[in-house]
Amino acid sequence: MTAPEVPIVRRRPRPPLIAALRILMPAVAVLVLLAVIVAAASTGLRNVAGGTTTTRPIELVGPRLTGQDNKKRPFMITAASAERQDSAGRIHLVSPVLVRDQGGGDQMRVTAKSGVYDEAAGRLQLTGDVRLAGPSGAFATPSAVYDAKTGEILGAGGVNAAAGANQLQAGSVSVKDKGKSVIYKGGVHTRLNVK
């Protein structure tokens, strides 16, 4: 017995578009893969050269820090802007304003051009035209430190104070006991205007 004859079916030739797409599509896929690799490599090189975006400091506009000292007196620190630059909890402040016991009888207001608040130590270091105003008078000094735990302020680098028409100059100042104790040290000169 002989095998039946199978008719030979000829396939139609592919249109030229299909033949071109079979070559073009893999070539496009290879080009896209190369573009992704080049973009990833250039981004990585830019981050290494210019520092990654995760190392940029956190910047705040109009921050407000609040707390209490160990005598339960509230304080508030505000600033035009703040920037946390390290993991140690130090916050750099631009134009800080410290207000202690706001609205109370012992309200004290301190302003400066710049400052650094150390959260761990509970200290605010103020520099540049530091000015304090409180019930016991006012003074200006180049730098001061506010201890947020005790509520004390220490000013140094030359102090100019005024209480009414009276004036005082000293090397440093210490404000304690809600402003009731103000101690001036170092070359103290005073001018009292008696009426």
Protein backbone atom coordinates (compact mmCIF):
# COMPACT_ATOMS: atom_id res chain seq x y z
CA MET A 1 0.00 0.00 0.00
CA THR A 2 1.26 3.39 -0.91
CA ALA A 3 0.96 6.52 1.15
CA PRO A 4 -1.59 8.95 -0.02
CA GLU A 5 -0.24 12.03 -1.61
CA VAL A 6 -0.31 15.12 0.55
CA PRO A 7 -0.96 18.25 -1.35
CA ILE A 8 1.77 20.86 -0.96
CA VAL A 9 0.43 24.15 0.26
CA ARG A 10 2.59 27.10 -0.52
CA ARG A 11 2.65 29.89 2.00
CA ARG A 12 2.01 33.30 0.76
CA PRO A 13 5.02 35.56 0.85
CA ARG A 14 5.01 38.02 3.80
CA PRO A 15 4.23 41.58 3.04
CA PRO A 16 7.34 43.80 3.11
CA LEU A 17 6.02 45.68 6.19
CA ILE A 18 5.92 42.55 8.35
CA ALA A 19 9.44 41.59 7.28
CA ALA A 20 10.71 45.08 8.14
CA LEU A 21 8.95 45.07 11.56
CA ARG A 22 10.52 41.71 12.47
CA ILE A 23 13.91 43.36 12.14
CA LEU A 24 12.99 46.83 13.41
CA MET A 25 11.22 45.85 16.69
CA PRO A 26 14.18 43.99 18.28
CA ALA A 27 16.47 46.85 17.22
CA VAL A 28 14.17 49.40 18.94
CA ALA A 29 14.06 47.23 22.10
CA VAL A 30 17.88 47.12 22.21
CA LEU A 31 18.08 50.93 21.75
CA VAL A 32 15.56 51.53 24.59
CA LEU A 33 17.52 49.20 26.89
CA LEU A 34 20.75 51.07 26.10
CA ALA A 35 19.06 54.44 26.77
CA VAL A 36 17.84 53.24 30.20
CA ILE A 37 21.32 51.99 31.11
CA VAL A 38 22.96 55.28 30.03
CA ALA A 39 20.39 57.38 31.98
CA ALA A 40 20.87 55.32 35.16
CA ALA A 41 24.66 55.55 34.88
CA SER A 42 24.65 59.33 34.33
CA THR A 43 22.27 59.90 37.27
CA GLY A 44 24.51 57.81 39.49
CA LEU A 45 27.59 59.77 38.43
CA ARG A 46 25.83 63.10 39.07
CA ASN A 47 24.79 61.98 42.58
CA VAL A 48 28.33 60.90 43.39
CA ALA A 49 29.84 64.13 42.05
CA GLY A 50 27.32 66.54 43.57
CA GLY A 51 26.20 64.63 46.64
CA THR A 52 22.95 62.72 46.85
CA THR A 53 19.68 64.42 47.57
CA THR A 54 19.33 62.51 50.85
CA THR A 55 22.31 64.38 52.36
CA ARG A 56 20.70 67.78 51.91
CA PRO A 57 19.68 69.44 55.17
CA ILE A 58 16.04 69.66 56.15
CA GLU A 59 14.92 73.29 55.87
CA LEU A 60 11.84 74.74 57.58
CA VAL A 61 10.24 78.12 57.02
CA GLY A 62 8.73 79.78 60.11
CA PRO A 63 9.53 77.01 62.62
CA ARG A 64 8.17 77.05 66.18
CA LEU A 65 9.78 75.15 69.05
CA THR A 66 8.02 75.05 72.40
CA GLY A 67 8.89 73.64 75.79
CA GLN A 68 9.20 74.22 79.53
CA ASP A 69 12.18 74.74 81.80
CA ASN A 70 12.59 72.83 85.05
CA LYS A 71 10.47 75.45 86.87
CA LYS A 72 7.52 74.81 84.50
CA ARG A 73 7.93 78.17 82.75
CA PRO A 74 6.91 77.88 79.09
CA PHE A 75 9.19 79.10 76.33
CA MET A 76 8.79 79.40 72.59
CA ILE A 77 11.51 79.75 69.96
CA THR A 78 10.52 80.98 66.50
CA ALA A 79 12.66 81.94 63.50
CA ALA A 80 12.44 83.11 59.91
CA SER A 81 13.85 79.73 58.85
CA ALA A 82 15.61 76.73 60.32
CA GLU A 83 17.89 74.03 58.98
CA ARG A 84 18.78 70.70 60.59
CA GLN A 85 22.27 69.93 59.32
CA ASP A 86 23.39 66.96 61.34
CA SER A 87 22.00 63.93 63.11
CA ALA A 88 23.11 65.27 66.52
CA GLY A 89 19.92 67.34 66.81
CA ARG A 90 21.44 70.76 66.12
CA ILE A 91 19.10 73.18 64.39
CA HIS A 92 20.52 76.33 62.75
CA LEU A 93 18.13 79.29 63.04
CA VAL A 94 17.91 82.51 61.04
CA SER A 95 16.57 85.53 62.99
CA PRO A 96 15.52 83.53 66.07
CA VAL A 97 13.13 84.98 68.66
CA LEU A 98 12.90 83.46 72.15
CA VAL A 99 9.91 84.32 74.33
CA ARG A 100 9.77 82.91 77.87
CA ASP A 101 6.63 83.06 80.01
CA GLN A 102 4.64 84.79 77.26
CA GLY A 103 1.85 86.94 78.68
CA GLY A 104 3.07 86.31 82.23
CA GLY A 105 4.57 88.75 84.70
CA ASP A 106 8.08 87.46 84.00
CA GLN A 107 7.86 87.61 80.21
CA MET A 108 11.24 87.87 78.55
CA ARG A 109 11.96 88.34 74.85
CA VAL A 110 15.33 87.69 73.21
CA THR A 111 16.16 88.31 69.53
CA ALA A 112 19.30 87.69 67.47
CA LYS A 113 20.52 87.47 63.88
CA SER A 114 21.29 83.76 64.08
CA GLY A 115 21.27 80.88 66.50
CA VAL A 116 21.81 77.16 67.00
CA TYR A 117 19.41 75.10 69.10
CA ASP A 118 20.89 71.89 70.50
CA GLU A 119 17.96 69.61 71.30
CA ALA A 120 19.99 67.08 73.28
CA ALA A 121 21.63 69.70 75.54
CA GLY A 122 18.56 71.96 75.67
CA ARG A 123 20.61 75.04 74.77
CA LEU A 124 20.04 77.90 72.38
CA GLN A 125 23.22 79.71 71.31
CA LEU A 126 22.48 83.16 69.93
CA THR A 127 24.90 85.33 67.94
CA GLY A 128 24.77 88.68 66.20
CA ASP A 129 23.09 91.68 67.81
CA VAL A 130 21.46 89.75 70.66
CA ARG A 131 18.83 91.85 72.44
CA LEU A 132 16.96 90.94 75.61
CA ALA A 133 13.95 92.76 77.05
CA GLY A 134 12.27 91.81 80.29
CA PRO A 135 10.74 93.23 83.46
CA SER A 136 14.18 94.06 84.92
CA GLY A 137 15.31 96.07 81.86
CA ALA A 138 16.97 95.46 78.53
CA PHE A 139 20.46 94.68 77.29
CA ALA A 140 22.34 94.08 74.05
CA THR A 141 25.31 91.76 73.58
CA PRO A 142 27.12 90.10 70.65
CA SER A 143 26.31 86.56 71.87
CA ALA A 144 24.26 84.76 74.50
CA VAL A 145 23.27 81.25 75.55
CA TYR A 146 19.80 80.29 76.79
CA ASP A 147 19.62 77.12 78.88
CA ALA A 148 16.15 75.72 78.17
CA LYS A 149 16.39 73.39 81.18
CA THR A 150 17.11 76.03 83.83
CA GLY A 151 15.73 79.11 82.06
CA GLU A 152 19.00 81.03 82.58
CA ILE A 153 20.60 83.34 80.02
CA LEU A 154 24.32 84.07 79.83
CA GLY A 155 25.50 86.95 77.65
CA ALA A 156 29.14 87.58 76.76
CA GLY A 157 31.40 89.68 74.58
CA GLY A 158 30.44 93.10 75.90
CA VAL A 159 27.06 94.00 77.34
CA ASN A 160 25.18 97.28 77.08
CA ALA A 161 22.19 97.46 79.39
CA ALA A 162 19.51 100.02 80.07
CA ALA A 163 16.85 100.29 82.75
CA GLY A 164 14.87 103.47 82.35
CA ALA A 165 17.35 106.36 82.01
CA ASN A 166 20.17 104.35 83.65
CA GLN A 167 22.89 102.73 81.54
CA LEU A 168 25.40 99.98 82.24
CA GLN A 169 28.32 98.35 80.40
CA ALA A 170 29.95 95.05 81.35
CA GLY A 171 31.92 92.14 79.94
CA SER A 172 29.18 89.55 80.57
CA VAL A 173 25.72 89.14 82.07
CA SER A 174 23.82 86.29 83.71
CA VAL A 175 20.02 86.38 84.09
CA LYS A 176 18.60 83.96 86.69
CA ASP A 177 15.52 83.45 88.88
CA LYS A 178 12.91 84.64 86.37
CA GLY A 179 14.94 87.78 85.71
CA LYS A 180 15.02 88.76 89.41
CA SER A 181 18.75 88.08 89.59
CA VAL A 182 20.85 89.85 86.94
CA ILE A 183 24.60 89.59 87.50
CA TYR A 184 27.03 91.75 85.49
CA LYS A 185 30.76 90.90 85.47
CA GLY A 186 33.97 92.18 83.88
CA GLY A 187 34.69 95.90 83.77
CA VAL A 188 31.28 97.04 84.93
CA HIS A 189 30.61 100.74 84.32
CA THR A 190 27.30 102.33 85.14
CA ARG A 191 25.65 105.69 84.71
CA LEU A 192 22.79 106.53 87.03
CA ASN A 193 20.53 109.46 86.23
CA VAL A 194 18.94 110.61 89.47
CA LYS A 195 15.92 112.88 89.18
